[in-house]
């Protein structure tokens, strides 16, 4: 479903991604972790070209993201993206947030878009909040709306960029529960996250990054169950994050 081949990116003189290669199969759940500044958020943003890259090739469902002739808006309509800070339209109601892009991009009627919106609000447990504005919701509720909005486009892949890092601790679980449900339903997912319990429980693979490089790319079982075989940097990261 996703293939990255020797992807590199610079910010000026600084090389934020350095020869990153990996692939994600259909229905696979991959968690990307690593220290702050390791390039993990940049990496997943290159998948739908929210961040352009300078070297290497990226394919999503056999569409060449790196090809200058590729219709990137059409590609992004098929790749759901959930950000750290929700990115909802504050002046629109929850339902309007869910229906706007369906109508504008997918060409659905307002009634069809609203029906899809109701189904997805049911799925994330927020049907009763359809007429509220984002500012009237908690952070966890806003993030669940953001997930529903991404799902409304019927994506083939879902990308999550630290979806729980801006939330109060008691709100993290309600968002992770929605993500667990997506994983159980077979959604292809790439998640940048420090939630190691979620990674251990839900993911098929873990990618560990440091210094713009993919240092580890292995099964979840291997990453957590055979830590002595990991690189010293990954062992150090895990020893700190799992004991705090």
Protein backbone atom coordinates (compact mmCIF):
# COMPACT_ATOMS: atom_id res chain seq x y z
CA UNK A 1 0.00 0.00 0.00
CA UNK A 2 2.88 2.36 0.85
CA UNK A 3 6.49 2.19 -0.31
CA UNK A 4 9.33 4.58 0.52
CA UNK A 5 12.65 4.08 -1.25
CA UNK A 6 15.73 6.03 -0.10
CA UNK A 7 13.74 9.14 0.80
CA UNK A 8 15.79 12.16 1.85
CA UNK A 9 14.76 15.71 2.72
CA UNK A 10 16.59 18.89 3.65
CA UNK A 11 15.58 22.06 5.46
CA UNK A 12 18.24 24.33 4.03
CA UNK A 13 21.54 22.72 5.04
CA UNK A 14 19.91 20.43 7.60
CA UNK A 15 19.14 16.89 6.44
CA UNK A 16 15.93 15.98 8.27
CA UNK A 17 15.41 12.65 6.45
CA UNK A 18 18.37 10.52 5.40
CA UNK A 19 17.81 7.66 2.97
CA UNK A 20 14.62 6.29 4.57
CA UNK A 21 13.21 3.09 3.05
CA UNK A 22 10.25 1.03 4.26
CA UNK A 23 6.94 -0.37 3.09
CA UNK A 24 3.49 -0.86 4.60
CA UNK A 25 1.20 -3.65 3.45
CA UNK A 26 -2.56 -3.33 3.11
CA UNK A 27 -4.20 -3.71 6.52
CA UNK A 28 -0.92 -3.29 8.38
CA UNK A 29 -0.59 -1.02 11.42
CA UNK A 30 2.84 0.58 11.81
CA UNK A 31 3.88 2.79 14.73
CA UNK A 32 6.76 5.22 14.14
CA UNK A 33 8.58 6.29 17.30
CA UNK A 34 11.79 7.99 18.29
CA UNK A 35 13.14 11.02 20.16
CA UNK A 36 11.99 14.55 19.43
CA UNK A 37 13.52 15.87 16.23
CA UNK A 38 14.22 12.42 14.81
CA UNK A 39 12.22 13.09 11.63
CA UNK A 40 9.24 10.84 12.32
CA UNK A 41 6.51 13.46 11.75
CA UNK A 42 8.27 14.69 8.62
CA UNK A 43 8.48 11.12 7.35
CA UNK A 44 4.73 10.47 7.44
CA UNK A 45 3.96 13.91 5.99
CA UNK A 46 6.02 13.00 2.92
CA UNK A 47 3.66 10.07 2.27
CA UNK A 48 0.92 12.42 1.03
CA UNK A 49 3.35 15.19 0.03
CA UNK A 50 2.37 17.60 2.79
CA UNK A 51 6.16 17.77 3.12
CA UNK A 52 7.99 17.63 -0.22
CA UNK A 53 11.14 15.51 -0.35
CA UNK A 54 14.22 16.05 -2.49
CA UNK A 55 15.49 12.51 -3.07
CA UNK A 56 13.96 9.04 -3.34
CA UNK A 57 10.62 7.61 -4.39
CA UNK A 58 7.29 7.26 -2.59
CA UNK A 59 4.32 5.20 -3.80
CA UNK A 60 0.83 5.02 -2.30
CA UNK A 61 -1.35 2.32 -3.86
CA UNK A 62 1.01 2.38 -6.87
CA UNK A 63 0.60 6.16 -7.30
CA UNK A 64 4.01 7.88 -7.54
CA UNK A 65 3.91 10.69 -4.97
CA UNK A 66 7.29 11.97 -6.19
CA UNK A 67 6.10 12.32 -9.80
CA UNK A 68 5.49 15.99 -10.60
CA UNK A 69 2.52 15.02 -12.83
CA UNK A 70 0.69 13.24 -9.99
CA UNK A 71 -2.60 14.84 -8.93
CA UNK A 72 -1.72 15.42 -5.28
CA UNK A 73 -5.18 16.72 -4.18
CA UNK A 74 -6.74 13.53 -5.56
CA UNK A 75 -4.14 11.43 -3.73
CA UNK A 76 -4.67 13.30 -0.45
CA UNK A 77 -8.41 12.68 -0.72
CA UNK A 78 -7.59 8.96 -0.41
CA UNK A 79 -5.08 9.33 2.42
CA UNK A 80 -6.65 10.33 5.74
CA UNK A 81 -4.50 12.55 7.95
CA UNK A 82 -5.03 13.25 11.64
CA UNK A 83 -2.85 15.95 13.17
CA UNK A 84 -1.63 16.68 16.67
CA UNK A 85 -3.82 19.78 17.03
CA UNK A 86 -7.05 18.57 15.38
CA UNK A 87 -7.12 21.24 12.60
CA UNK A 88 -10.94 21.49 12.68
CA UNK A 89 -12.70 24.55 11.26
CA UNK A 90 -13.69 26.46 14.44
CA UNK A 91 -16.52 28.42 12.77
CA UNK A 92 -18.27 25.26 11.51
CA UNK A 93 -20.31 22.77 13.50
CA UNK A 94 -19.08 19.22 13.97
CA UNK A 95 -21.40 17.99 11.21
CA UNK A 96 -20.34 20.79 8.86
CA UNK A 97 -16.71 19.84 9.48
CA UNK A 98 -17.55 16.29 8.40
CA UNK A 99 -19.63 17.15 5.33
CA UNK A 100 -17.78 20.07 3.73
CA UNK A 101 -14.97 18.10 2.06
CA UNK A 102 -17.25 15.25 1.10
CA UNK A 103 -19.37 17.69 -0.90
CA UNK A 104 -16.51 19.79 -2.31
CA UNK A 105 -14.03 17.01 -3.14
CA UNK A 106 -16.04 13.81 -3.52
CA UNK A 107 -19.09 15.47 -5.06
CA UNK A 108 -21.56 13.90 -2.66
CA UNK A 109 -24.94 15.49 -2.08
CA UNK A 110 -25.41 17.23 1.24
CA UNK A 111 -27.85 14.54 2.32
CA UNK A 112 -25.44 11.71 1.45
CA UNK A 113 -22.59 13.52 3.18
CA UNK A 114 -24.70 14.08 6.28
CA UNK A 115 -25.74 10.42 6.38
CA UNK A 116 -22.09 9.38 6.20
CA UNK A 117 -21.30 11.93 8.90
CA UNK A 118 -23.95 10.54 11.26
CA UNK A 119 -22.62 7.01 10.78
CA UNK A 120 -19.09 8.10 11.62
CA UNK A 121 -20.12 10.23 14.60
CA UNK A 122 -21.86 7.12 15.92
CA UNK A 123 -18.65 5.20 15.40
CA UNK A 124 -16.59 7.66 17.46
CA UNK A 125 -19.33 8.11 20.08
CA UNK A 126 -20.20 11.74 19.30
CA UNK A 127 -23.56 11.70 17.52
CA UNK A 128 -25.16 13.88 20.17
CA UNK A 129 -22.55 16.60 19.54
CA UNK A 130 -23.21 17.01 15.80
CA UNK A 131 -24.52 20.58 16.12
CA UNK A 132 -21.82 21.86 18.47
CA UNK A 133 -18.77 23.86 17.43
CA UNK A 134 -15.27 22.49 18.11
CA UNK A 135 -14.66 25.03 20.87
CA UNK A 136 -17.51 23.47 22.86
CA UNK A 137 -15.80 20.06 22.90
CA UNK A 138 -12.95 18.62 24.94
CA UNK A 139 -9.62 17.92 23.27
CA UNK A 140 -10.35 14.22 23.10
CA UNK A 141 -13.73 14.85 21.52
CA UNK A 142 -12.21 17.22 18.97
CA UNK A 143 -9.62 14.61 18.01
CA UNK A 144 -12.34 11.99 17.57
CA UNK A 145 -14.19 14.43 15.29
CA UNK A 146 -10.95 14.88 13.33
CA UNK A 147 -10.68 11.11 12.91
CA UNK A 148 -14.32 10.92 11.77
CA UNK A 149 -13.70 13.74 9.29
CA UNK A 150 -10.74 11.85 7.79
CA UNK A 151 -12.78 8.65 7.60
CA UNK A 152 -15.62 10.48 5.83
CA UNK A 153 -13.42 10.59 2.72
CA UNK A 154 -13.27 6.76 2.61
CA UNK A 155 -9.46 6.69 2.76
CA UNK A 156 -7.35 3.71 1.78
CA UNK A 157 -4.71 4.70 4.36
CA UNK A 158 -4.84 6.63 7.64
CA UNK A 159 -1.86 8.66 8.86
CA UNK A 160 -1.71 9.84 12.48
CA UNK A 161 0.83 12.47 13.56
CA UNK A 162 1.08 12.20 17.37
CA UNK A 163 -2.72 12.25 17.73
CA UNK A 164 -2.69 12.11 21.54
CA UNK A 165 0.30 14.33 22.42
CA UNK A 166 -1.80 17.50 22.86
CA UNK A 167 -4.42 15.82 25.03
CA UNK A 168 -4.88 15.69 28.78
CA UNK A 169 -4.01 12.19 30.06
CA UNK A 170 -7.62 11.20 30.78
CA UNK A 171 -8.59 11.94 27.17
CA UNK A 172 -5.89 9.80 25.55
CA UNK A 173 -7.76 6.52 26.04
CA UNK A 174 -10.90 7.60 24.18
CA UNK A 175 -8.87 8.48 21.08
CA UNK A 176 -6.77 5.30 21.24
CA UNK A 177 -9.99 3.26 21.53
CA UNK A 178 -11.18 4.67 18.20
CA UNK A 179 -7.80 3.87 16.65
CA UNK A 180 -7.95 0.32 18.03
CA UNK A 181 -11.33 -0.11 16.35
CA UNK A 182 -9.89 1.04 13.02
CA UNK A 183 -7.03 -1.43 13.34
CA UNK A 184 -9.45 -4.26 14.10
CA UNK A 185 -11.44 -3.31 11.00
CA UNK A 186 -8.33 -3.74 8.85
CA UNK A 187 -7.51 -0.10 8.12
CA UNK A 188 -3.96 0.48 6.89
CA UNK A 189 -2.43 2.86 9.45
CA UNK A 190 0.85 4.65 10.06
CA UNK A 191 0.97 6.30 13.47
CA UNK A 192 3.65 8.56 14.92
CA UNK A 193 3.19 7.98 18.63
CA UNK A 194 4.90 7.72 22.00
CA UNK A 195 2.06 5.54 23.29
CA UNK A 196 4.10 2.37 23.69
CA UNK A 197 1.23 0.43 25.26
CA UNK A 198 -0.85 1.12 22.17
CA UNK A 199 2.07 0.22 19.91
CA UNK A 200 2.63 -3.07 21.71
CA UNK A 201 -1.08 -3.99 21.66
CA UNK A 202 -2.23 -2.84 18.22
CA UNK A 203 0.69 -2.44 15.81
CA UNK A 204 2.13 -5.09 13.52
CA UNK A 205 5.45 -3.30 13.15
CA UNK A 206 7.47 -0.61 14.87
CA UNK A 207 9.80 1.82 13.12
CA UNK A 208 12.33 3.58 15.35
CA UNK A 209 13.96 6.74 14.00
CA UNK A 210 16.88 8.83 15.15
CA UNK A 211 18.78 11.59 13.36
CA UNK A 212 16.56 11.40 10.30
CA UNK A 213 17.30 7.71 9.75
CA UNK A 214 15.24 4.57 10.21
CA UNK A 215 17.31 2.71 12.80
CA UNK A 216 14.89 -0.16 13.49
CA UNK A 217 12.09 -1.58 11.34
CA UNK A 218 10.85 -4.81 12.83
CA UNK A 219 7.82 -6.69 14.12
CA UNK A 220 6.24 -5.39 17.29
CA UNK A 221 7.01 -8.69 19.00
CA UNK A 222 10.69 -8.33 18.17
CA UNK A 223 10.87 -4.66 19.14
CA UNK A 224 9.45 -5.18 22.61
CA UNK A 225 10.38 -8.82 23.21
CA UNK A 226 14.00 -8.90 22.03
CA UNK A 227 15.27 -5.49 23.08
CA UNK A 228 18.80 -6.84 23.59
CA UNK A 229 19.12 -7.26 19.80
CA UNK A 230 18.16 -3.63 19.06
CA UNK A 231 20.62 -0.80 18.45
CA UNK A 232 22.00 0.88 21.59
CA UNK A 233 20.04 4.05 20.70
CA UNK A 234 16.75 2.15 20.51
CA UNK A 235 17.51 0.31 23.76
CA UNK A 236 18.22 3.61 25.48
CA UNK A 237 14.98 5.15 24.14
CA UNK A 238 12.90 2.18 25.28
CA UNK A 239 14.51 2.04 28.71
CA UNK A 240 13.50 5.67 29.32
CA UNK A 241 10.02 5.63 27.81
CA UNK A 242 8.90 2.30 29.30
CA UNK A 243 9.95 3.15 32.87
CA UNK A 244 8.28 6.59 33.07
